[in-house]
Amino acid sequence: MNDSTITLPWLVIRQDDNGNRYRVGRYATRDEAQKIADSLDSRGHKQLYWVERIGPGADV
C-alpha cells in the first residue's frame, strides 16, 4: 500500500460554545479517532468532541 491509497474515514469534530464546528483530524480507525476525542474532551474545556465516519459505509 502506498500513501495514495491510504484512507482516513474517521473524523474528530469539535464544536465550540458558539456552535461552530471544526474538523480536528482524520484517522484510519474509529478507535484511534475515539482516543483523540477522549483525550481532548478530558481537558475540561467547554467544547464538545465526537467521532464521525465519512465516505462509503458512513451510516454503519
N, C-alpha and C. Protein backbone atom coordinates (compact mmCIF):
# COMPACT_ATOMS: atom_id res chain seq x y z
N MET A 1 0.85 -1.17 0.00
CA MET A 1 0.00 0.00 0.00
C MET A 1 0.90 1.24 0.00
N ASN A 2 0.61 2.16 -0.88
CA ASN A 2 1.37 3.40 -0.88
C ASN A 2 0.52 4.53 -0.32
N ASP A 3 1.11 5.70 -0.13
CA ASP A 3 0.42 6.81 0.51
C ASP A 3 -0.85 7.24 -0.22
N SER A 4 -0.92 7.04 -1.52
CA SER A 4 -2.09 7.50 -2.27
C SER A 4 -3.31 6.60 -2.07
N THR A 5 -3.13 5.41 -1.47
CA THR A 5 -4.25 4.50 -1.26
C THR A 5 -4.70 4.44 0.19
N ILE A 6 -4.06 5.18 1.07
CA ILE A 6 -4.44 5.18 2.48
C ILE A 6 -5.72 5.99 2.64
N THR A 7 -6.70 5.40 3.31
CA THR A 7 -7.95 6.12 3.56
C THR A 7 -8.06 6.46 5.03
N LEU A 8 -8.60 7.62 5.30
CA LEU A 8 -8.79 8.08 6.67
C LEU A 8 -10.26 8.46 6.84
N PRO A 9 -11.12 7.46 7.02
CA PRO A 9 -12.55 7.74 7.02
C PRO A 9 -13.13 8.24 8.34
N TRP A 10 -12.34 8.27 9.39
CA TRP A 10 -12.85 8.67 10.71
C TRP A 10 -12.40 10.08 11.06
N LEU A 11 -13.36 10.93 11.38
CA LEU A 11 -13.09 12.32 11.73
C LEU A 11 -13.32 12.56 13.20
N VAL A 12 -12.53 13.45 13.78
CA VAL A 12 -12.82 14.00 15.09
C VAL A 12 -13.31 15.42 14.84
N ILE A 13 -14.49 15.73 15.35
CA ILE A 13 -15.12 17.02 15.17
C ILE A 13 -15.18 17.74 16.52
N ARG A 14 -14.93 19.03 16.50
CA ARG A 14 -15.04 19.86 17.70
C ARG A 14 -16.12 20.90 17.47
N GLN A 15 -16.97 21.08 18.47
CA GLN A 15 -17.97 22.16 18.45
C GLN A 15 -17.70 23.08 19.62
N ASP A 16 -17.51 24.37 19.33
CA ASP A 16 -17.24 25.31 20.41
C ASP A 16 -18.54 25.80 21.04
N ASP A 17 -18.42 26.63 22.06
CA ASP A 17 -19.61 27.06 22.79
C ASP A 17 -20.47 28.04 22.00
N ASN A 18 -20.03 28.46 20.80
CA ASN A 18 -20.85 29.28 19.92
C ASN A 18 -21.53 28.46 18.84
N GLY A 19 -21.35 27.14 18.87
CA GLY A 19 -21.97 26.25 17.89
C GLY A 19 -21.17 26.06 16.61
N ASN A 20 -19.98 26.63 16.52
CA ASN A 20 -19.13 26.45 15.34
C ASN A 20 -18.46 25.09 15.40
N ARG A 21 -18.44 24.42 14.24
CA ARG A 21 -17.85 23.08 14.17
C ARG A 21 -16.59 23.10 13.34
N TYR A 22 -15.60 22.32 13.78
CA TYR A 22 -14.31 22.24 13.11
C TYR A 22 -13.84 20.80 13.06
N ARG A 23 -13.20 20.45 11.95
CA ARG A 23 -12.58 19.13 11.86
C ARG A 23 -11.23 19.20 12.54
N VAL A 24 -11.02 18.37 13.54
CA VAL A 24 -9.76 18.34 14.28
C VAL A 24 -8.74 17.48 13.55
N GLY A 25 -9.18 16.34 13.01
CA GLY A 25 -8.27 15.44 12.32
C GLY A 25 -9.00 14.28 11.69
N ARG A 26 -8.27 13.56 10.83
CA ARG A 26 -8.80 12.36 10.17
C ARG A 26 -7.94 11.18 10.57
N TYR A 27 -8.59 10.02 10.77
CA TYR A 27 -7.89 8.85 11.30
C TYR A 27 -8.33 7.59 10.56
N ALA A 28 -7.47 6.59 10.59
CA ALA A 28 -7.72 5.35 9.88
C ALA A 28 -8.74 4.46 10.58
N THR A 29 -8.77 4.50 11.91
CA THR A 29 -9.68 3.62 12.65
C THR A 29 -10.54 4.43 13.62
N ARG A 30 -11.68 3.86 13.94
CA ARG A 30 -12.56 4.51 14.91
C ARG A 30 -11.88 4.59 16.28
N ASP A 31 -11.19 3.52 16.67
CA ASP A 31 -10.51 3.51 17.97
C ASP A 31 -9.49 4.63 18.09
N GLU A 32 -8.72 4.83 17.03
CA GLU A 32 -7.71 5.89 17.02
C GLU A 32 -8.39 7.27 17.17
N ALA A 33 -9.45 7.49 16.40
CA ALA A 33 -10.18 8.76 16.47
C ALA A 33 -10.81 8.96 17.84
N GLN A 34 -11.38 7.89 18.41
CA GLN A 34 -12.02 8.00 19.72
C GLN A 34 -11.02 8.33 20.81
N LYS A 35 -9.82 7.77 20.73
CA LYS A 35 -8.78 8.09 21.72
C LYS A 35 -8.43 9.57 21.68
N ILE A 36 -8.32 10.13 20.49
CA ILE A 36 -8.03 11.56 20.35
C ILE A 36 -9.17 12.38 20.91
N ALA A 37 -10.41 12.05 20.55
CA ALA A 37 -11.58 12.78 21.04
C ALA A 37 -11.66 12.71 22.56
N ASP A 38 -11.43 11.54 23.13
CA ASP A 38 -11.47 11.39 24.59
C ASP A 38 -10.38 12.21 25.26
N SER A 39 -9.19 12.21 24.67
CA SER A 39 -8.08 12.98 25.22
C SER A 39 -8.38 14.47 25.23
N LEU A 40 -8.92 14.97 24.14
CA LEU A 40 -9.26 16.38 24.05
C LEU A 40 -10.41 16.73 25.00
N ASP A 41 -11.39 15.85 25.09
CA ASP A 41 -12.55 16.08 25.95
C ASP A 41 -12.15 16.11 27.43
N SER A 42 -11.14 15.34 27.79
CA SER A 42 -10.74 15.25 29.20
C SER A 42 -10.03 16.51 29.70
N ARG A 43 -9.73 17.42 28.82
CA ARG A 43 -9.05 18.65 29.22
C ARG A 43 -9.95 19.63 29.94
N GLY A 44 -11.26 19.37 29.91
CA GLY A 44 -12.19 20.16 30.71
C GLY A 44 -12.66 21.46 30.09
N HIS A 45 -12.42 21.66 28.81
CA HIS A 45 -12.92 22.87 28.15
C HIS A 45 -14.39 22.72 27.81
N LYS A 46 -15.03 23.79 27.40
CA LYS A 46 -16.46 23.75 27.09
C LYS A 46 -16.77 23.13 25.73
N GLN A 47 -15.76 22.90 24.91
CA GLN A 47 -16.00 22.34 23.59
C GLN A 47 -16.46 20.88 23.68
N LEU A 48 -17.22 20.48 22.67
CA LEU A 48 -17.65 19.09 22.54
C LEU A 48 -16.81 18.43 21.45
N TYR A 49 -16.46 17.18 21.65
CA TYR A 49 -15.70 16.42 20.66
C TYR A 49 -16.44 15.12 20.38
N TRP A 50 -16.48 14.73 19.10
CA TRP A 50 -17.09 13.45 18.75
C TRP A 50 -16.45 12.91 17.49
N VAL A 51 -16.76 11.63 17.20
CA VAL A 51 -16.20 10.92 16.06
C VAL A 51 -17.31 10.69 15.05
N GLU A 52 -16.98 10.92 13.77
CA GLU A 52 -17.90 10.66 12.66
C GLU A 52 -17.15 9.91 11.57
N ARG A 53 -17.89 9.09 10.84
CA ARG A 53 -17.30 8.40 9.68
C ARG A 53 -17.77 9.10 8.42
N ILE A 54 -16.85 9.24 7.46
CA ILE A 54 -17.21 9.82 6.17
C ILE A 54 -17.03 8.78 5.09
N GLY A 55 -17.65 9.00 3.96
CA GLY A 55 -17.47 8.12 2.81
C GLY A 55 -18.39 6.92 2.87
N PRO A 56 -18.09 5.90 2.02
CA PRO A 56 -18.92 4.69 1.97
C PRO A 56 -19.03 4.03 3.35
N GLY A 57 -20.21 3.60 3.70
CA GLY A 57 -20.42 2.94 4.98
C GLY A 57 -20.52 3.90 6.14
N ALA A 58 -20.77 5.18 5.85
CA ALA A 58 -20.81 6.18 6.90
C ALA A 58 -21.94 5.96 7.90
N ASP A 59 -22.97 5.28 7.48
CA ASP A 59 -24.10 5.03 8.37
C ASP A 59 -23.93 3.76 9.18
N VAL A 60 -22.80 3.11 9.06
CA VAL A 60 -22.55 1.86 9.77
C VAL A 60 -22.19 2.12 11.21
